Amino acid sequence: MPQLSPAPWFAIFTFSWLVFLIVIPPKILNHTYPHSPSPQSTQKPKTSAWNWPWY
């Protein structure tokens, strides 16, 4: 039964995991995002009280 021979399949398994763990993550992490968050000021905006008539 050729399915039980681990020789070719183990090499394929090993090389595919090497590609997944070594080659692909740097390619994904090198992407730049066009809308990176900008730092906000630490001051709170001034809010005014509502003086609506509540009936």
C-alpha atoms as a PDB file:
ATOM      1  CA  MET A   1       0.000   0.000   0.000  1.00  0.00           C
ATOM      2  CA  PRO A   2       1.797   3.164  -1.132  1.00  0.00           C
ATOM      3  CA  GLN A   3      -0.214   5.457   1.147  1.00  0.00           C
ATOM      4  CA  LEU A   4       1.699   4.173   4.164  1.00  0.00           C
ATOM      5  CA  SER A   5       5.114   5.115   2.814  1.00  0.00           C
ATOM      6  CA  PRO A   6       5.937   8.409   4.587  1.00  0.00           C
ATOM      7  CA  ALA A   7       8.977   9.207   2.467  1.00  0.00           C
ATOM      8  CA  PRO A   8       7.481  11.532  -0.200  1.00  0.00           C
ATOM      9  CA  TRP A   9       4.631  12.889   1.910  1.00  0.00           C
ATOM     10  CA  PHE A  10       6.723  13.856   4.898  1.00  0.00           C
ATOM     11  CA  ALA A  11       9.055  15.902   2.699  1.00  0.00           C
ATOM     12  CA  ILE A  12       6.094  17.658   1.063  1.00  0.00           C
ATOM     13  CA  PHE A  13       4.584  18.298   4.481  1.00  0.00           C
ATOM     14  CA  THR A  14       7.864  19.691   5.828  1.00  0.00           C
ATOM     15  CA  PHE A  15       8.531  21.984   2.866  1.00  0.00           C
ATOM     16  CA  SER A  16       4.992  23.291   2.811  1.00  0.00           C
ATOM     17  CA  TRP A  17       5.203  24.204   6.519  1.00  0.00           C
ATOM     18  CA  LEU A  18       8.545  25.864   5.945  1.00  0.00           C
ATOM     19  CA  VAL A  19       6.933  27.992   3.257  1.00  0.00           C
ATOM     20  CA  PHE A  20       4.006  28.838   5.522  1.00  0.00           C
ATOM     21  CA  LEU A  21       6.190  29.734   8.497  1.00  0.00           C
ATOM     22  CA  ILE A  22       9.201  31.408   6.868  1.00  0.00           C
ATOM     23  CA  VAL A  23       8.267  32.837   3.479  1.00  0.00           C
ATOM     24  CA  ILE A  24       4.658  33.993   3.796  1.00  0.00           C
ATOM     25  CA  PRO A  25       4.608  35.947   7.148  1.00  0.00           C
ATOM     26  CA  PRO A  26       7.212  38.564   6.108  1.00  0.00           C
ATOM     27  CA  LYS A  27       5.348  39.135   2.853  1.00  0.00           C
ATOM     28  CA  ILE A  28       2.091  39.703   4.728  1.00  0.00           C
ATOM     29  CA  LEU A  29       3.675  41.920   7.398  1.00  0.00           C
ATOM     30  CA  ASN A  30       5.310  44.191   4.806  1.00  0.00           C
ATOM     31  CA  HIS A  31       1.979  45.523   3.567  1.00  0.00           C
ATOM     32  CA  THR A  32       1.352  49.186   4.286  1.00  0.00           C
ATOM     33  CA  TYR A  33      -2.105  50.352   5.152  1.00  0.00           C
ATOM     34  CA  PRO A  34      -3.308  53.576   3.488  1.00  0.00           C
ATOM     35  CA  HIS A  35      -5.334  54.780   6.474  1.00  0.00           C
ATOM     36  CA  SER A  36      -3.082  54.311   9.447  1.00  0.00           C
ATOM     37  CA  PRO A  37      -4.487  55.779  12.662  1.00  0.00           C
ATOM     38  CA  SER A  38      -3.164  59.168  13.623  1.00  0.00           C
ATOM     39  CA  PRO A  39      -2.508  60.032  17.272  1.00  0.00           C
ATOM     40  CA  GLN A  40      -5.276  62.015  18.898  1.00  0.00           C
ATOM     41  CA  SER A  41      -4.837  64.801  21.368  1.00  0.00           C
ATOM     42  CA  THR A  42      -5.246  64.044  25.043  1.00  0.00           C
ATOM     43  CA  GLN A  43      -7.434  67.093  25.647  1.00  0.00           C
ATOM     44  CA  LYS A  44     -11.142  66.450  25.919  1.00  0.00           C
ATOM     45  CA  PRO A  45     -13.391  68.544  23.705  1.00  0.00           C
ATOM     46  CA  LYS A  46     -15.387  71.191  25.509  1.00  0.00           C
ATOM     47  CA  THR A  47     -19.032  70.239  25.812  1.00  0.00           C
ATOM     48  CA  SER A  48     -21.840  72.635  26.523  1.00  0.00           C
ATOM     49  CA  ALA A  49     -24.936  71.886  28.547  1.00  0.00           C
ATOM     50  CA  TRP A  50     -28.284  71.396  26.856  1.00  0.00           C
ATOM     51  CA  ASN A  51     -30.739  74.044  27.865  1.00  0.00           C
ATOM     52  CA  TRP A  52     -33.757  72.569  26.130  1.00  0.00           C
ATOM     53  CA  PRO A  53     -37.137  72.885  27.807  1.00  0.00           C
ATOM     54  CA  TRP A  54     -38.070  69.420  29.065  1.00  0.00           C
ATOM     55  CA  TYR A  55     -41.815  69.250  29.455  1.00  0.00           C
END
